[in-house]
Amino acid sequence: MSKNILVIAAHPDDEVLGVGGTVLRHVENSDKVFALILGEGVLSRDGSTLENVKKLRNQTESASKIIGFEKEFFCDFPDNGFDTVSLLSIIKKVEFFIEKIKPEIVYTHFQNDLNVDHRRTFEAVLTACRPCNVNAPEELYTFETLSSTEWQAKNALQFQPNNYVDIERFIEKKIKAMKEYFLEIKQYPNSRSEKGIRILAQYRGLESGLKFAEALCLIRRISK
């Protein structure tokens, strides 16, 4: 039986970097996967305009077609400024889409990422997915995001995956989708590069006996 899946990301391209290969597996299994992008994603950068936001959303739509998202939804929380708005306002927006989509599985950011928007997204998602919510997902996972997760402080709060997804068949398609984000993809040795994506997938593969993998951390599973 097909499932509804919801990826909740802070910025355009996080959904591909974090779980692009995992989503491709879901699509292959006939699951319906939706993306919720909470932030406008670019206006914190010097010289950025609303035209850049429009271009970035067009790139999201192009990448989405490659990955196979059923639909992507956009919000307008300020880039690198999620801490300037109330957490409740973010929670309410997440709750709205959880009620709308009723996902069995939710993927979102790791709680201790360097990026403040990622951290606030996790807080909002964890609250919106609390078990008392009649639409709470059965499974909640966090993913890592290149140029944020690996730059966190190296201490006990580091990302510690406990689930690995084999993406050997999907790594090239994931990279193809990321290339649609031509405003975001960088040149190696920047981690947000084609080579950086491939190296991380290989490293996670080494951890799990696979050639290429995406790493996840299971936050909660409710077996019914």
Protein backbone atom coordinates (compact mmCIF):
# COMPACT_ATOMS: atom_id res chain seq x y z
CA MET A 1 0.00 0.00 0.00
CA SER A 2 1.37 3.42 -0.94
CA LYS A 3 2.15 5.96 1.77
CA ASN A 4 2.09 9.73 2.03
CA ILE A 5 5.54 11.14 2.75
CA LEU A 6 6.35 14.72 3.77
CA VAL A 7 9.81 16.31 3.59
CA ILE A 8 9.95 19.52 5.63
CA ALA A 9 12.95 21.68 4.75
CA ALA A 10 14.04 25.16 5.76
CA HIS A 11 15.34 26.23 2.34
CA PRO A 12 15.08 25.31 -1.33
CA ASP A 13 17.66 22.58 -2.13
CA ASP A 14 17.70 21.15 1.43
CA GLU A 15 15.08 18.63 0.35
CA VAL A 16 17.41 17.28 -2.36
CA LEU A 17 20.63 17.44 -0.35
CA GLY A 18 19.07 15.73 2.63
CA VAL A 19 16.86 12.99 1.23
CA GLY A 20 16.86 13.21 -2.56
CA GLY A 21 17.85 9.56 -2.94
CA THR A 22 15.44 8.41 -0.24
CA VAL A 23 12.60 10.24 -1.96
CA LEU A 24 13.50 8.59 -5.27
CA ARG A 25 13.16 5.19 -3.56
CA HIS A 26 9.76 6.19 -2.18
CA VAL A 27 8.60 7.30 -5.61
CA GLU A 28 9.80 4.01 -7.11
CA ASN A 29 7.65 2.25 -4.48
CA SER A 30 4.61 4.31 -5.60
CA ASP A 31 4.53 6.45 -2.45
CA LYS A 32 3.32 10.04 -2.76
CA VAL A 33 6.02 12.43 -1.57
CA PHE A 34 5.44 16.11 -0.83
CA ALA A 35 7.93 18.86 -0.03
CA LEU A 36 7.27 21.75 2.34
CA ILE A 37 9.84 24.54 2.01
CA LEU A 38 9.43 26.87 4.98
CA GLY A 39 11.84 29.69 4.10
CA GLU A 40 12.19 31.98 1.07
CA GLY A 41 15.81 30.94 1.05
CA VAL A 42 17.97 33.73 -0.36
CA LEU A 43 17.19 37.26 0.82
CA SER A 44 19.76 37.20 3.63
CA ARG A 45 22.50 37.38 1.01
CA ASP A 46 23.91 40.75 -0.02
CA GLY A 47 22.33 42.01 -3.21
CA SER A 48 19.54 39.44 -3.32
CA THR A 49 16.10 40.54 -4.51
CA LEU A 50 12.61 39.10 -4.85
CA GLU A 51 13.61 38.13 -8.37
CA ASN A 52 16.20 35.78 -6.85
CA VAL A 53 13.44 34.21 -4.76
CA LYS A 54 11.38 33.64 -7.90
CA LYS A 55 14.33 32.07 -9.70
CA LEU A 56 15.06 29.82 -6.74
CA ARG A 57 11.47 28.59 -6.66
CA ASN A 58 11.62 27.85 -10.36
CA GLN A 59 14.74 25.79 -9.70
CA THR A 60 12.91 23.94 -6.91
CA GLU A 61 10.15 23.04 -9.34
CA SER A 62 12.68 21.81 -11.93
CA ALA A 63 14.51 19.69 -9.34
CA SER A 64 11.18 18.40 -8.05
CA LYS A 65 10.26 17.02 -11.46
CA ILE A 66 13.50 15.04 -11.57
CA ILE A 67 13.09 13.68 -8.04
CA GLY A 68 9.39 12.95 -8.48
CA PHE A 69 7.75 14.99 -5.74
CA GLU A 70 3.98 14.92 -5.99
CA LYS A 71 3.85 18.61 -5.11
CA GLU A 72 5.97 21.21 -3.38
CA PHE A 73 4.60 23.88 -1.03
CA PHE A 74 6.32 27.17 -0.20
CA CYS A 75 6.19 29.44 2.84
CA ASP A 76 7.90 32.80 3.30
CA PHE A 77 9.75 32.70 6.60
CA PRO A 78 12.86 34.92 6.48
CA ASP A 79 16.12 33.40 5.29
CA ASN A 80 18.48 32.82 8.22
CA GLY A 81 15.91 34.58 10.36
CA PHE A 82 13.56 31.88 11.63
CA ASP A 83 14.58 32.98 15.13
CA THR A 84 13.10 36.44 14.44
CA VAL A 85 9.56 35.06 14.15
CA SER A 86 7.62 33.20 16.81
CA LEU A 87 8.17 29.47 16.97
CA LEU A 88 4.40 29.10 17.27
CA SER A 89 3.89 30.66 13.84
CA ILE A 90 6.20 28.06 12.29
CA ILE A 91 4.52 25.25 14.22
CA LYS A 92 1.08 26.37 13.03
CA LYS A 93 2.23 26.32 9.42
CA VAL A 94 3.71 22.83 9.79
CA GLU A 95 0.55 21.60 11.52
CA PHE A 96 -1.56 22.93 8.66
CA PHE A 97 0.33 20.86 6.10
CA ILE A 98 0.46 17.77 8.29
CA GLU A 99 -3.32 17.95 8.56
CA LYS A 100 -3.59 18.52 4.80
CA ILE A 101 -1.25 15.70 3.72
CA LYS A 102 -1.60 13.27 6.64
CA PRO A 103 1.86 11.75 6.12
CA GLU A 104 2.81 8.37 7.50
CA ILE A 105 6.49 9.42 7.39
CA VAL A 106 8.09 12.86 7.92
CA TYR A 107 11.71 13.80 7.18
CA THR A 108 13.24 17.04 8.47
CA HIS A 109 16.46 18.70 9.60
CA PHE A 110 18.83 17.52 12.32
CA GLN A 111 18.23 19.41 15.56
CA ASN A 112 21.80 20.61 16.09
CA ASP A 113 22.69 21.88 12.63
CA LEU A 114 24.81 25.03 12.43
CA ASN A 115 22.07 26.85 10.51
CA VAL A 116 19.53 28.47 12.84
CA ASP A 117 16.67 27.93 10.38
CA HIS A 118 17.37 24.18 10.40
CA ARG A 119 17.26 24.09 14.19
CA ARG A 120 14.00 26.05 14.36
CA THR A 121 12.50 23.82 11.68
CA PHE A 122 13.28 20.74 13.76
CA GLU A 123 11.71 22.31 16.86
CA ALA A 124 8.56 23.19 14.94
CA VAL A 125 8.28 19.78 13.28
CA LEU A 126 8.87 17.87 16.52
CA THR A 127 6.14 19.89 18.21
CA ALA A 128 3.71 19.55 15.30
CA CYS A 129 4.34 15.79 15.19
CA ARG A 130 3.76 15.15 18.89
CA PRO A 131 1.73 11.96 19.42
CA CYS A 132 -1.32 13.83 20.76
CA ASN A 133 -1.83 15.22 17.23
CA VAL A 134 -4.41 12.99 15.57
CA ASN A 135 -2.44 13.37 12.32
CA ALA A 136 0.96 12.60 13.87
CA PRO A 137 3.15 10.57 11.50
CA GLU A 138 4.03 6.99 12.33
CA GLU A 139 7.73 7.69 11.67
CA LEU A 140 9.82 10.84 12.09
CA TYR A 141 13.41 11.09 10.83
CA THR A 142 16.07 13.78 10.66
CA PHE A 143 18.57 14.12 7.81
CA GLU A 144 21.93 15.81 7.38
CA THR A 145 22.41 18.85 5.14
CA LEU A 146 25.73 19.59 3.50
CA SER A 147 27.24 22.98 4.48
CA SER A 148 25.44 22.91 7.80
CA THR A 149 25.49 19.53 9.55
CA GLU A 150 29.20 18.88 8.98
CA TRP A 151 30.10 22.37 10.25
CA GLN A 152 28.52 21.90 13.66
CA ALA A 153 30.69 21.72 16.80
CA LYS A 154 32.41 18.34 17.09
CA ASN A 155 30.98 17.19 20.38
CA ALA A 156 28.40 14.78 21.78
CA LEU A 157 25.64 16.65 19.93
CA GLN A 158 26.93 15.65 16.49
CA PHE A 159 24.64 13.96 13.96
CA GLN A 160 24.62 10.25 14.82
CA PRO A 161 22.65 8.32 12.19
CA ASN A 162 20.94 5.07 13.03
CA ASN A 163 19.30 4.40 9.66
CA TYR A 164 20.91 4.10 6.24
CA VAL A 165 19.15 4.13 2.86
CA ASP A 166 20.77 2.49 -0.15
CA ILE A 167 20.81 5.09 -2.94
CA GLU A 168 23.26 3.45 -5.34
CA ARG A 169 20.64 3.38 -8.11
CA PHE A 170 19.68 6.99 -7.43
CA ILE A 171 22.90 8.92 -6.76
CA GLU A 172 23.24 10.20 -10.33
CA LYS A 173 19.62 11.36 -10.43
CA LYS A 174 20.03 13.08 -7.08
CA ILE A 175 23.06 14.98 -8.40
CA LYS A 176 21.18 15.81 -11.60
CA ALA A 177 18.37 17.31 -9.52
CA MET A 178 20.82 19.30 -7.40
CA LYS A 179 22.37 20.76 -10.55
CA GLU A 180 19.04 22.44 -11.24
CA TYR A 181 19.89 24.65 -8.26
CA PHE A 182 22.54 26.52 -10.21
CA LEU A 183 22.30 29.41 -7.72
CA GLU A 184 23.17 27.03 -4.88
CA ILE A 185 25.57 24.36 -6.14
CA LYS A 186 29.24 25.21 -5.62
CA GLN A 187 32.66 24.10 -6.83
CA TYR A 188 34.65 21.49 -4.92
CA PRO A 189 36.07 21.56 -2.22
CA ASN A 190 32.85 23.27 -1.07
CA SER A 191 30.74 20.49 0.44
CA ARG A 192 27.69 21.74 -1.48
CA SER A 193 29.20 20.54 -4.77
CA GLU A 194 28.65 17.56 -7.03
CA LYS A 195 31.80 15.93 -5.68
CA GLY A 196 30.84 16.79 -2.11
CA ILE A 197 27.45 15.09 -2.50
CA ARG A 198 29.09 12.01 -3.95
CA ILE A 199 31.78 11.83 -1.23
CA LEU A 200 29.21 12.04 1.59
CA ALA A 201 27.08 9.31 -0.02
CA GLN A 202 30.17 7.11 -0.36
CA TYR A 203 31.21 7.76 3.24
CA ARG A 204 27.76 6.86 4.54
CA GLY A 205 27.96 3.82 2.31
CA LEU A 206 31.22 2.78 3.98
CA GLU A 207 29.50 3.00 7.36
CA SER A 208 26.72 0.69 6.24
CA GLY A 209 28.31 -1.74 3.77
CA LEU A 210 26.80 0.03 0.76
CA LYS A 211 28.29 1.86 -2.21
CA PHE A 212 26.17 5.00 -1.75
CA ALA A 213 23.83 5.79 1.12
CA GLU A 214 21.87 8.56 2.78
CA ALA A 215 22.04 8.65 6.57
CA LEU A 216 19.04 9.33 8.78
CA CYS A 217 18.30 9.48 12.47
CA LEU A 218 15.04 7.94 13.65
CA ILE A 219 13.42 10.25 16.18
CA ARG A 220 10.19 8.33 16.73
CA ARG A 221 8.39 5.31 15.33
CA ILE A 222 4.85 4.43 16.35
CA SER A 223 3.85 0.92 15.29
CA LYS A 224 0.10 0.50 14.95
